[in-house]
Amino acid sequence: MTTWKKTKFPGVRYKEPGTRRFKGKPEKYFSIRYKRNGKSVEEGAGWESAGVTPQYCSQLRTQIVQNIRAGKDHVSLKEKREIEETKRQVKIEEKEATERDKTPLNEIAEKYLEWSKHNKKSWKDDLSRYRNHIKPVLGHIPIKNISILNLEGLKKKIRSKGIAPQTVLHCLQLVRAMFNRAISWGLYYGGNPVTATAKADKKFLKIPDASRINFLNYDQADTLMDELKVRSLQLHDIALISLHTGARAGEIFNLVWADIDFLHTIITLRDTKNGDTRQAFMTPQVKKILTARHYQGIKNSDLTFKNRDGKKIREVSNAFSRTVYKLGFNKDA
């Protein structure tokens, strides 16, 4: 049986179990003994190979005895270790928090968009709004530095493109959703700047009143169509269908050739968000442009309008807003 051996330091002793060796000799394991609340306490201080010496143990014991007498700080080796571990964890958390604070919005956004891809039907809308409108303005800014001024700048920048107020609102809501997800995922521990801004300014997340929306007269509509045809024939055709049928952009982007009934001059419009369908009359002008786009060999399942990659269009081209701005149709809006 291994026996404890005294050292020249009061309350410090050691034993040599014989199962471990250090520097060619049996390794010493040290402990300290002291009294607390009238009872003897003994705690292991550690192995010789870890740098534990009789002198070190004596210093530990002296500090604990003094703390017991003064009634402060750690009053045992266990408490000392717990305090040191807590401090270590705090430093680690502070370092991690500092690194998180340096994280740019783009890093959070990419994680959100990946989540959106697997959880939202409208994920492509999120992707388009972020890449086209949000990323150029806020993508490079550390998330902790995004403030009311940054958000107002984003709002102003998008509006300067002549983008519809509803799209501006969707972009702000997307930024808010990204922050909420980052917080729930433990990637950010601050407040949501969009929510804070909305509380400070009740109008921040509201679109302008419908009474302020301008409507085109016949001459303005013709002027707009002529200008759009110069910029983009496809954009002209989309705008003309909207003008003549009252179809929303999303309904036109959803059109496939099976929805076009040339014989009965009827267009079936589909809203993929809520599954509704309705029919619109095909005016001679609309029939003319659709006939011109309908080439031989086209499939009924093919999209009527496609983007440059041959895929579904996600939002109205900025060229439309720039054209409206150039013609001054929204100057009083």
Protein backbone atom coordinates (compact mmCIF):
# COMPACT_ATOMS: atom_id res chain seq x y z
CA MET A 1 0.00 0.00 0.00
CA THR A 2 1.39 3.41 -1.00
CA THR A 3 1.98 5.68 1.98
CA TRP A 4 1.99 9.48 2.14
CA LYS A 5 5.30 11.18 2.94
CA LYS A 6 5.76 14.59 4.51
CA THR A 7 7.68 17.48 2.98
CA LYS A 8 9.39 20.33 4.81
CA PHE A 9 6.38 22.51 3.99
CA PRO A 10 3.49 22.38 6.48
CA GLY A 11 0.34 20.76 5.08
CA VAL A 12 2.09 19.49 1.95
CA ARG A 13 2.75 15.79 1.39
CA TYR A 14 3.25 13.35 -1.48
CA LYS A 15 3.12 9.71 -2.44
CA GLU A 16 4.82 7.55 -5.07
CA PRO A 17 2.29 5.03 -6.43
CA GLY A 18 5.02 3.28 -8.39
CA THR A 19 2.97 3.02 -11.60
CA ARG A 20 4.47 6.19 -13.06
CA ARG A 21 8.07 7.33 -13.40
CA PHE A 22 9.57 10.77 -13.92
CA LYS A 23 13.22 11.42 -14.73
CA GLY A 24 14.07 7.79 -14.01
CA LYS A 25 12.46 7.79 -10.56
CA PRO A 26 9.00 7.00 -9.20
CA GLU A 27 6.83 10.06 -9.87
CA LYS A 28 5.49 12.04 -6.95
CA TYR A 29 1.86 13.02 -6.55
CA PHE A 30 1.33 16.00 -4.22
CA SER A 31 -1.58 17.03 -2.04
CA ILE A 32 -2.29 19.84 0.40
CA ARG A 33 -4.08 19.70 3.75
CA TYR A 34 -5.81 22.52 5.61
CA LYS A 35 -8.79 23.17 7.89
CA ARG A 36 -12.07 24.75 6.89
CA ASN A 37 -14.99 25.22 9.27
CA GLY A 38 -13.12 23.17 11.87
CA LYS A 39 -12.76 20.15 9.58
CA SER A 40 -9.63 18.77 7.91
CA VAL A 41 -9.64 18.98 4.11
CA GLU A 42 -7.21 17.32 1.73
CA GLU A 43 -7.03 18.01 -2.00
CA GLY A 44 -4.79 16.59 -4.69
CA ALA A 45 -2.53 19.25 -6.22
CA GLY A 46 -1.11 17.24 -9.14
CA TRP A 47 1.79 15.26 -10.53
CA GLU A 48 5.42 16.18 -10.56
CA SER A 49 5.58 15.87 -14.37
CA ALA A 50 2.94 18.63 -14.64
CA GLY A 51 5.30 21.05 -12.91
CA VAL A 52 3.84 20.63 -9.43
CA THR A 53 6.47 21.09 -6.70
CA PRO A 54 6.36 21.23 -2.87
CA GLN A 55 6.99 24.99 -3.03
CA TYR A 56 4.09 25.50 -5.46
CA CYS A 57 1.79 23.42 -3.25
CA SER A 58 2.80 25.47 -0.22
CA GLN A 59 1.90 28.69 -2.04
CA LEU A 60 -1.49 27.24 -3.01
CA ARG A 61 -2.19 26.18 0.56
CA THR A 62 -1.11 29.53 2.01
CA GLN A 63 -3.45 31.42 -0.37
CA ILE A 64 -6.39 29.15 0.47
CA VAL A 65 -5.80 29.50 4.24
CA GLN A 66 -5.65 33.28 3.90
CA ASN A 67 -8.86 33.31 1.83
CA ILE A 68 -10.64 31.17 4.43
CA ARG A 69 -9.64 33.60 7.16
CA ALA A 70 -10.62 36.64 5.07
CA GLY A 71 -13.82 35.00 3.77
CA LYS A 72 -13.19 35.85 0.11
CA ASP A 73 -12.15 34.39 -3.25
CA HIS A 74 -11.54 30.65 -3.60
CA VAL A 75 -11.40 28.60 -0.39
CA SER A 76 -10.37 25.31 -2.01
CA LEU A 77 -8.37 24.00 -4.96
CA LYS A 78 -11.64 22.88 -6.52
CA GLU A 79 -13.04 26.42 -6.39
CA LYS A 80 -9.76 27.83 -7.71
CA ARG A 81 -9.89 25.49 -10.69
CA GLU A 82 -13.55 26.28 -11.31
CA ILE A 83 -12.84 30.03 -11.25
CA GLU A 84 -9.88 29.61 -13.61
CA GLU A 85 -11.97 27.46 -15.96
CA THR A 86 -14.75 30.06 -15.92
CA LYS A 87 -12.27 32.79 -16.77
CA ARG A 88 -10.86 30.65 -19.57
CA GLN A 89 -14.32 30.03 -21.00
CA VAL A 90 -15.15 33.74 -20.79
CA LYS A 91 -12.00 34.60 -22.76
CA ILE A 92 -12.87 31.99 -25.39
CA GLU A 93 -16.42 33.32 -25.67
CA GLU A 94 -15.17 36.91 -25.91
CA LYS A 95 -12.78 35.92 -28.67
CA GLU A 96 -15.54 34.06 -30.52
CA ALA A 97 -17.88 37.05 -30.09
CA THR A 98 -15.21 39.35 -31.52
CA GLU A 99 -14.80 37.07 -34.53
CA ARG A 100 -18.58 36.89 -34.99
CA ASP A 101 -18.78 40.68 -34.87
CA LYS A 102 -16.30 40.86 -37.75
CA THR A 103 -18.49 38.57 -39.87
CA PRO A 104 -19.77 40.45 -42.96
CA LEU A 105 -23.45 40.24 -43.86
CA ASN A 106 -22.54 38.27 -46.98
CA GLU A 107 -21.36 35.30 -44.91
CA ILE A 108 -24.64 35.21 -42.98
CA ALA A 109 -26.61 35.78 -46.18
CA GLU A 110 -25.06 32.80 -47.98
CA LYS A 111 -26.02 30.52 -45.07
CA TYR A 112 -29.54 31.95 -45.09
CA LEU A 113 -29.91 31.50 -48.85
CA GLU A 114 -28.79 27.89 -48.59
CA TRP A 115 -31.42 27.34 -45.87
CA SER A 116 -34.00 29.18 -47.97
CA LYS A 117 -33.29 26.92 -50.94
CA HIS A 118 -34.39 23.86 -48.95
CA ASN A 119 -37.21 25.44 -46.94
CA LYS A 120 -38.93 28.14 -49.05
CA LYS A 121 -40.73 27.94 -52.37
CA SER A 122 -39.75 31.56 -53.02
CA TRP A 123 -36.03 30.98 -52.43
CA LYS A 124 -35.11 32.15 -55.93
CA ASP A 125 -36.79 35.48 -55.18
CA ASP A 126 -34.62 35.75 -52.05
CA LEU A 127 -31.52 34.95 -54.08
CA SER A 128 -32.36 37.53 -56.76
CA ARG A 129 -33.16 40.29 -54.28
CA TYR A 130 -30.01 39.69 -52.28
CA ARG A 131 -27.61 39.40 -55.23
CA ASN A 132 -29.09 42.32 -57.21
CA HIS A 133 -30.02 44.82 -54.52
CA ILE A 134 -28.75 44.02 -51.01
CA LYS A 135 -25.29 42.54 -51.52
CA PRO A 136 -23.82 45.51 -53.46
CA VAL A 137 -24.79 47.86 -50.61
CA LEU A 138 -24.51 45.83 -47.39
CA GLY A 139 -22.76 42.55 -48.26
CA HIS A 140 -19.27 43.68 -47.22
CA ILE A 141 -20.29 45.37 -43.93
CA PRO A 142 -19.73 43.50 -40.62
CA ILE A 143 -23.14 42.56 -39.22
CA LYS A 144 -22.53 44.38 -35.92
CA ASN A 145 -21.91 47.62 -37.82
CA ILE A 146 -25.13 47.58 -39.84
CA SER A 147 -27.13 50.51 -38.53
CA ILE A 148 -30.20 52.58 -39.30
CA LEU A 149 -28.09 54.74 -41.61
CA ASN A 150 -26.96 51.67 -43.58
CA LEU A 151 -30.55 50.49 -43.95
CA GLU A 152 -31.74 53.92 -45.04
CA GLY A 153 -28.89 53.93 -47.55
CA LEU A 154 -30.06 50.56 -48.88
CA LYS A 155 -33.60 51.84 -49.17
CA LYS A 156 -32.46 54.97 -50.98
CA LYS A 157 -30.18 53.02 -53.34
CA ILE A 158 -32.94 50.61 -54.39
CA ARG A 159 -35.41 53.44 -54.86
CA SER A 160 -32.92 55.31 -57.04
CA LYS A 161 -33.18 52.43 -59.53
CA GLY A 162 -36.88 53.14 -59.86
CA ILE A 163 -37.70 49.77 -58.31
CA ALA A 164 -41.31 49.19 -57.21
CA PRO A 165 -41.97 50.07 -53.53
CA GLN A 166 -43.11 46.49 -52.90
CA THR A 167 -39.68 45.19 -53.95
CA VAL A 168 -37.99 47.69 -51.63
CA LEU A 169 -40.13 46.36 -48.80
CA HIS A 170 -39.30 42.74 -49.70
CA CYS A 171 -35.57 43.54 -49.62
CA LEU A 172 -35.82 45.08 -46.14
CA GLN A 173 -37.88 42.13 -44.92
CA LEU A 174 -35.25 39.77 -46.31
CA VAL A 175 -32.48 41.53 -44.36
CA ARG A 176 -34.62 41.25 -41.23
CA ALA A 177 -35.18 37.53 -41.84
CA MET A 178 -31.43 36.98 -42.29
CA PHE A 179 -30.67 38.63 -38.95
CA ASN A 180 -33.41 36.64 -37.19
CA ARG A 181 -32.00 33.38 -38.54
CA ALA A 182 -28.43 34.35 -37.62
CA ILE A 183 -29.59 35.02 -34.06
CA SER A 184 -31.52 31.73 -33.82
CA TRP A 185 -28.51 29.83 -35.20
CA GLY A 186 -26.17 31.39 -32.63
CA LEU A 187 -24.14 33.19 -35.30
CA TYR A 188 -25.00 36.64 -33.97
CA TYR A 189 -25.99 37.85 -30.49
CA GLY A 190 -26.87 41.47 -31.15
CA GLY A 191 -30.22 43.04 -31.94
CA ASN A 192 -31.94 43.02 -35.32
CA PRO A 193 -31.29 46.48 -36.86
CA VAL A 194 -34.30 46.23 -39.18
CA THR A 195 -36.65 45.52 -36.29
CA ALA A 196 -35.06 48.33 -34.26
CA THR A 197 -35.41 50.76 -37.16
CA ALA A 198 -39.03 49.76 -37.72
CA LYS A 199 -39.79 50.46 -34.06
CA ALA A 200 -38.13 53.86 -34.28
CA ASP A 201 -39.80 54.71 -37.60
CA LYS A 202 -43.29 53.26 -38.04
CA LYS A 203 -43.23 53.98 -41.78
CA PHE A 204 -39.94 52.19 -42.42
CA LEU A 205 -41.47 48.84 -43.41
CA LYS A 206 -44.54 50.23 -45.14
CA ILE A 207 -45.03 50.82 -48.85
CA PRO A 208 -46.32 54.21 -50.01
CA ASP A 209 -50.05 54.83 -49.91
CA ALA A 210 -51.85 53.75 -53.09
CA SER A 211 -53.17 57.30 -53.49
CA ARG A 212 -49.64 58.40 -54.41
CA ILE A 213 -49.28 55.90 -57.27
CA ASN A 214 -49.29 57.46 -60.74
CA PHE A 215 -51.27 56.03 -63.65
CA LEU A 216 -50.25 56.42 -67.27
CA ASN A 217 -52.50 58.06 -69.81
CA TYR A 218 -52.73 56.65 -73.36
CA ASP A 219 -50.02 58.92 -74.77
CA GLN A 220 -47.64 58.07 -71.91
CA ALA A 221 -48.32 54.36 -72.36
CA ASP A 222 -47.49 54.58 -76.08
CA THR A 223 -44.33 56.55 -75.34
CA LEU A 224 -43.27 53.96 -72.75
CA MET A 225 -43.88 51.06 -75.13
CA ASP A 226 -41.84 52.74 -77.88
CA GLU A 227 -38.94 53.39 -75.50
CA LEU A 228 -39.02 49.83 -74.12
CA LYS A 229 -38.95 48.35 -77.63
CA VAL A 230 -35.67 50.19 -78.24
CA ARG A 231 -34.17 48.87 -75.02
CA SER A 232 -35.48 45.28 -75.04
CA LEU A 233 -38.06 43.59 -77.25
CA GLN A 234 -38.84 40.97 -74.59
CA LEU A 235 -39.31 43.64 -71.90
CA HIS A 236 -41.58 45.51 -74.32
CA ASP A 237 -43.67 42.38 -74.90
CA ILE A 238 -43.98 41.63 -71.17
CA ALA A 239 -45.02 45.22 -70.45
CA LEU A 240 -47.54 45.23 -73.31
CA ILE A 241 -49.20 42.01 -72.09
CA SER A 242 -49.43 43.50 -68.60
CA LEU A 243 -50.88 46.72 -69.97
CA HIS A 244 -53.53 44.97 -72.11
CA THR A 245 -54.52 42.13 -69.76
CA GLY A 246 -53.86 43.51 -66.29
CA ALA A 247 -51.57 40.54 -65.59
CA ARG A 248 -49.05 40.89 -62.80
CA ALA A 249 -45.36 40.32 -63.49
CA GLY A 250 -45.33 36.99 -61.64
CA GLU A 251 -48.29 35.72 -63.67
CA ILE A 252 -46.52 36.60 -66.93
CA PHE A 253 -43.28 34.98 -65.78
CA ASN A 254 -45.25 31.78 -65.01
CA LEU A 255 -46.76 31.57 -68.50
CA VAL A 256 -46.09 28.46 -70.55
CA TRP A 257 -47.31 27.98 -74.12
CA ALA A 258 -50.06 25.64 -72.93
CA ASP A 259 -51.61 28.69 -71.27
CA ILE A 260 -51.92 30.51 -74.62
CA ASP A 261 -55.13 29.66 -76.49
CA PHE A 262 -54.71 31.33 -79.89
CA LEU A 263 -57.95 29.83 -81.23
CA HIS A 264 -60.17 31.36 -78.55
CA THR A 265 -57.81 34.30 -77.85
CA ILE A 266 -57.63 33.46 -74.15
CA ILE A 267 -54.62 33.51 -71.80
CA THR A 268 -54.69 31.47 -68.57
CA LEU A 269 -52.84 33.29 -65.80
CA ARG A 270 -51.54 31.34 -62.82
CA ASP A 271 -50.48 32.56 -59.39
CA THR A 272 -48.06 29.95 -58.06
CA LYS A 273 -48.05 31.40 -54.54
CA ASN A 274 -51.68 30.59 -53.77
CA GLY A 275 -52.58 28.30 -56.68
CA ASP A 276 -55.22 30.61 -58.17
CA THR A 277 -55.88 30.79 -61.92
CA ARG A 278 -57.82 33.27 -64.00
CA GLN A 279 -58.31 34.02 -67.67
CA ALA A 280 -57.61 37.18 -69.64
CA PHE A 281 -58.73 38.21 -73.12
CA MET A 282 -55.99 38.31 -75.75
CA THR A 283 -56.20 41.65 -77.57
CA PRO A 284 -55.07 41.81 -81.23
CA GLN A 285 -51.82 43.49 -80.14
CA VAL A 286 -51.10 40.77 -77.57
CA LYS A 287 -51.97 38.02 -80.04
CA LYS A 288 -49.62 39.57 -82.58
CA ILE A 289 -46.57 39.64 -80.29
CA LEU A 290 -47.23 36.15 -78.93
CA THR A 291 -47.67 34.76 -82.45
CA ALA A 292 -44.33 36.29 -83.39
CA ARG A 293 -42.68 34.55 -80.41
CA HIS A 294 -44.30 31.17 -81.10
CA TYR A 295 -41.87 29.35 -83.37
CA GLN A 296 -42.21 25.83 -84.81
CA GLY A 297 -41.16 22.95 -82.58
CA ILE A 298 -41.81 24.79 -79.35
CA LYS A 299 -43.27 22.66 -76.52
CA ASN A 300 -46.44 23.43 -74.60
CA SER A 301 -44.48 23.12 -71.36
CA ASP A 302 -41.87 25.69 -72.42
CA LEU A 303 -41.91 29.08 -70.71
CA THR A 304 -43.26 31.88 -72.85
CA PHE A 305 -40.63 34.27 -71.51
CA LYS A 306 -37.20 33.22 -70.27
CA ASN A 307 -34.14 34.90 -68.82
CA ARG A 308 -30.72 34.84 -70.51
CA ASP A 309 -30.02 31.40 -69.09
CA GLY A 310 -33.25 29.99 -70.53
CA LYS A 311 -34.85 29.80 -67.08
CA LYS A 312 -37.81 31.45 -65.38
CA ILE A 313 -37.56 35.23 -64.89
CA ARG A 314 -37.61 36.14 -61.20
CA GLU A 315 -38.19 39.91 -61.30
CA VAL A 316 -38.82 42.79 -63.68
CA SER A 317 -35.67 44.06 -65.35
CA ASN A 318 -34.17 47.27 -63.97
CA ALA A 319 -34.37 48.58 -67.52
CA PHE A 320 -38.09 49.12 -67.02
CA SER A 321 -37.55 51.32 -63.94
CA ARG A 322 -34.75 53.22 -65.64
CA THR A 323 -37.01 53.87 -68.65
CA VAL A 324 -39.84 55.16 -66.47
CA TYR A 325 -37.36 57.37 -64.63
CA LYS A 326 -35.88 58.68 -67.88
CA LEU A 327 -39.34 59.61 -69.18
CA GLY A 328 -40.15 61.34 -65.88
CA PHE A 329 -43.40 59.46 -65.30
CA ASN A 330 -42.73 59.03 -61.57
CA LYS A 331 -41.36 62.48 -60.79
CA ASP A 332 -44.42 63.44 -58.75
CA ALA A 333 -44.90 60.06 -57.07
